[in-house]
Amino acid sequence: EPVAAAFARIVETADLAAARRWRERIALAPLPRRLSRVLARRPALLGPGPWVVRSSFGAEDRPGSSCAGIFESVLDVDGPAMLARAVRVVTASLLADRAIAYLHRTERPVEPAMAVILQPQVARDGIGGVLHTRVPERAADVMLVTADRSAARVTGGVSIPEEYVLYRPHLDTPRAC
């Protein structure tokens, strides 16, 4: 069965067992050669680790929904073996139980289009968080959800985060400090 059709069926029926089987396939499959070559060059381009490997989902910020925090991000990635594993973890999170349950409740079908992003990791002293560039039901707002020490405390549900809502038009207007 083609991946797009399988994904659509899994989301439509909320078939968590089928999603688990696909996650297992992703975890065991070798990375395509072209991707392996690209990943081998990334550390030289970004500098020494650690890095963050995260997702960017095609339907992440739509009116009435936000997938922020639904998919996995892997922190403290350093070295080629960890990088390959992190890419698999993030890719497989497209089929995580919480992602399937959330997408099943959305009103519109979604395509299984996810990019995997590799970024240098900023030191985690202070706070971490998730930036929602589209807040469901409030398109004029941007929301930053933060917690002490790490974004993982927000996305993992292990802290009570603080929320800061910014009115988008104010972000585009120059102001004196």
Protein backbone atom coordinates (compact mmCIF):
# COMPACT_ATOMS: atom_id res chain seq x y z
CA GLU A 1 0.00 0.00 0.00
CA PRO A 2 1.44 3.44 -0.88
CA VAL A 3 2.51 5.53 2.10
CA ALA A 4 0.03 8.39 1.46
CA ALA A 5 -2.91 5.98 1.22
CA ALA A 6 -1.83 4.08 4.34
CA PHE A 7 -1.43 7.34 6.28
CA ALA A 8 -4.87 8.57 5.18
CA ARG A 9 -6.48 5.29 6.21
CA ILE A 10 -4.67 5.24 9.58
CA VAL A 11 -5.74 8.83 10.37
CA GLU A 12 -9.31 8.35 9.14
CA THR A 13 -9.84 5.20 11.22
CA ALA A 14 -7.49 6.13 14.10
CA ASP A 15 -5.86 2.71 13.62
CA LEU A 16 -3.13 2.91 16.28
CA ALA A 17 -2.01 -0.70 15.72
CA ALA A 18 -1.30 0.02 12.04
CA ALA A 19 0.47 3.26 13.03
CA ARG A 20 2.67 1.27 15.45
CA ARG A 21 3.60 -1.19 12.68
CA TRP A 22 4.61 1.72 10.40
CA ARG A 23 6.70 3.27 13.22
CA GLU A 24 8.48 -0.08 13.66
CA ARG A 25 9.19 -0.23 9.90
CA ILE A 26 10.66 3.28 9.99
CA ALA A 27 12.81 2.45 13.03
CA LEU A 28 14.31 -0.62 11.33
CA ALA A 29 14.65 0.65 7.77
CA PRO A 30 18.05 1.86 6.61
CA LEU A 31 18.13 5.51 5.65
CA PRO A 32 18.21 6.10 1.88
CA ARG A 33 21.80 6.47 0.60
CA ARG A 34 21.26 10.03 -0.58
CA LEU A 35 19.93 11.06 2.84
CA SER A 36 22.84 9.32 4.58
CA ARG A 37 25.31 11.28 2.43
CA VAL A 38 23.53 14.56 3.20
CA LEU A 39 23.50 13.82 6.93
CA ALA A 40 27.20 12.95 6.86
CA ARG A 41 27.94 16.49 5.56
CA ARG A 42 25.62 18.38 7.93
CA PRO A 43 27.87 18.42 11.02
CA ALA A 44 30.66 20.06 9.01
CA LEU A 45 28.23 22.72 7.76
CA LEU A 46 26.64 23.43 11.16
CA GLY A 47 29.70 23.12 13.35
CA PRO A 48 30.13 20.95 16.40
CA GLY A 49 27.06 19.63 18.21
CA PRO A 50 24.91 19.33 20.04
CA TRP A 51 22.06 19.76 17.57
CA VAL A 52 18.28 19.59 17.70
CA VAL A 53 16.44 17.41 15.21
CA ARG A 54 12.81 18.47 14.85
CA SER A 55 9.87 18.31 12.51
CA SER A 56 8.05 20.71 10.26
CA PHE A 57 4.68 19.26 9.29
CA GLY A 58 2.94 20.39 6.12
CA ALA A 59 -0.38 21.03 7.90
CA GLU A 60 1.13 22.27 11.16
CA ASP A 61 -0.36 25.74 11.38
CA ARG A 62 -3.81 25.85 9.84
CA PRO A 63 -6.87 27.83 10.84
CA GLY A 64 -8.48 25.93 13.71
CA SER A 65 -5.53 23.67 14.49
CA SER A 66 -1.92 23.67 15.60
CA CYS A 67 0.36 20.64 15.71
CA ALA A 68 3.00 22.33 17.88
CA GLY A 69 4.30 19.78 20.36
CA ILE A 70 2.55 16.83 18.67
CA PHE A 71 5.66 15.45 16.96
CA GLU A 72 8.99 14.48 18.50
CA SER A 73 12.06 16.66 18.70
CA VAL A 74 15.38 15.12 19.71
CA LEU A 75 17.77 17.24 21.76
CA ASP A 76 21.49 16.83 22.46
CA VAL A 77 22.24 15.05 19.17
CA ASP A 78 25.97 14.70 18.59
CA GLY A 79 27.61 12.44 16.02
CA PRO A 80 26.50 10.57 12.91
CA ALA A 81 24.94 7.55 14.65
CA MET A 82 22.84 9.74 16.96
CA LEU A 83 21.86 11.93 14.02
CA ALA A 84 20.61 8.96 11.95
CA ARG A 85 18.63 7.66 14.95
CA ALA A 86 17.14 11.10 15.64
CA VAL A 87 15.99 11.41 12.01
CA ARG A 88 14.17 8.08 12.34
CA VAL A 89 12.58 9.08 15.67
CA VAL A 90 11.29 12.38 14.29
CA THR A 91 10.05 10.78 11.06
CA ALA A 92 8.26 8.01 12.97
CA SER A 93 6.56 10.59 15.21
CA LEU A 94 4.30 11.41 12.24
CA LEU A 95 2.60 8.14 13.20
CA ALA A 96 2.74 8.55 17.00
CA ASP A 97 -0.46 7.74 18.86
CA ARG A 98 -0.97 11.37 19.94
CA ALA A 99 -0.42 12.61 16.36
CA ILE A 100 -2.90 10.12 14.90
CA ALA A 101 -5.49 10.92 17.59
CA TYR A 102 -5.11 14.68 17.02
CA LEU A 103 -5.19 14.46 13.22
CA HIS A 104 -8.20 12.10 13.39
CA ARG A 105 -10.15 14.88 15.15
CA THR A 106 -9.34 17.51 12.51
CA GLU A 107 -12.01 18.31 9.96
CA ARG A 108 -9.83 18.24 6.86
CA PRO A 109 -7.63 15.46 5.50
CA VAL A 110 -3.88 15.97 5.72
CA GLU A 111 -1.02 14.72 3.59
CA PRO A 112 1.89 12.87 5.22
CA ALA A 113 4.30 15.69 4.37
CA MET A 114 6.93 16.22 7.05
CA ALA A 115 10.36 17.79 6.83
CA VAL A 116 13.06 16.87 9.31
CA ILE A 117 15.09 19.88 10.40
CA LEU A 118 18.57 19.89 11.91
CA GLN A 119 19.61 22.97 13.89
CA PRO A 120 22.40 23.88 16.27
CA GLN A 121 21.16 23.54 19.83
CA VAL A 122 21.21 26.71 21.88
CA ALA A 123 22.39 26.34 25.47
CA ARG A 124 19.49 25.42 27.71
CA ASP A 125 20.20 27.79 30.58
CA GLY A 126 17.07 29.66 31.62
CA ILE A 127 13.92 28.79 29.72
CA GLY A 128 12.81 26.78 26.72
CA GLY A 129 9.54 26.63 24.91
CA VAL A 130 7.37 26.27 21.86
CA LEU A 131 6.42 29.14 19.57
CA HIS A 132 2.97 28.85 17.99
CA THR A 133 3.05 31.00 14.85
CA ARG A 134 -0.68 30.45 14.41
CA VAL A 135 -2.95 30.19 17.41
CA PRO A 136 -6.15 28.28 16.66
CA GLU A 137 -9.19 30.56 16.61
CA ARG A 138 -6.97 33.68 17.05
CA ALA A 139 -5.14 34.21 13.76
CA ALA A 140 -3.88 37.67 14.78
CA ASP A 141 -1.91 36.22 17.71
CA VAL A 142 1.42 34.49 18.18
CA MET A 143 1.87 32.46 21.38
CA LEU A 144 5.08 31.51 23.18
CA VAL A 145 4.69 28.69 25.71
CA THR A 146 7.68 28.43 28.06
CA ALA A 147 8.98 26.45 31.03
CA ASP A 148 12.09 26.49 33.17
CA ARG A 149 15.14 24.84 31.63
CA SER A 150 13.86 23.15 28.46
CA ALA A 151 11.27 22.99 25.69
CA ALA A 152 11.02 19.26 26.45
CA ARG A 153 9.32 20.16 29.73
CA VAL A 154 6.58 21.90 27.71
CA THR A 155 6.16 19.33 24.95
CA GLY A 156 6.48 16.40 27.36
CA GLY A 157 3.75 17.71 29.65
CA VAL A 158 5.98 17.62 32.74
CA SER A 159 5.56 21.26 33.71
CA ILE A 160 2.88 23.89 33.94
CA PRO A 161 4.03 26.33 31.28
CA GLU A 162 3.68 30.06 31.10
CA GLU A 163 1.96 31.46 28.00
CA TYR A 164 2.77 34.77 26.36
CA VAL A 165 0.39 35.95 23.65
CA LEU A 166 1.65 38.56 21.21
CA TYR A 167 -0.60 40.49 18.87
CA ARG A 168 0.87 39.84 15.40
CA PRO A 169 0.37 43.38 13.98
CA HIS A 170 2.50 44.77 16.83
CA LEU A 171 5.37 42.53 15.75
CA ASP A 172 5.47 44.24 12.36
CA THR A 173 5.35 47.79 13.73
CA PRO A 174 8.71 49.38 14.64
CA ARG A 175 8.68 50.82 18.16
CA ALA A 176 11.11 52.68 20.36
CA CYS A 177 12.26 50.72 23.40
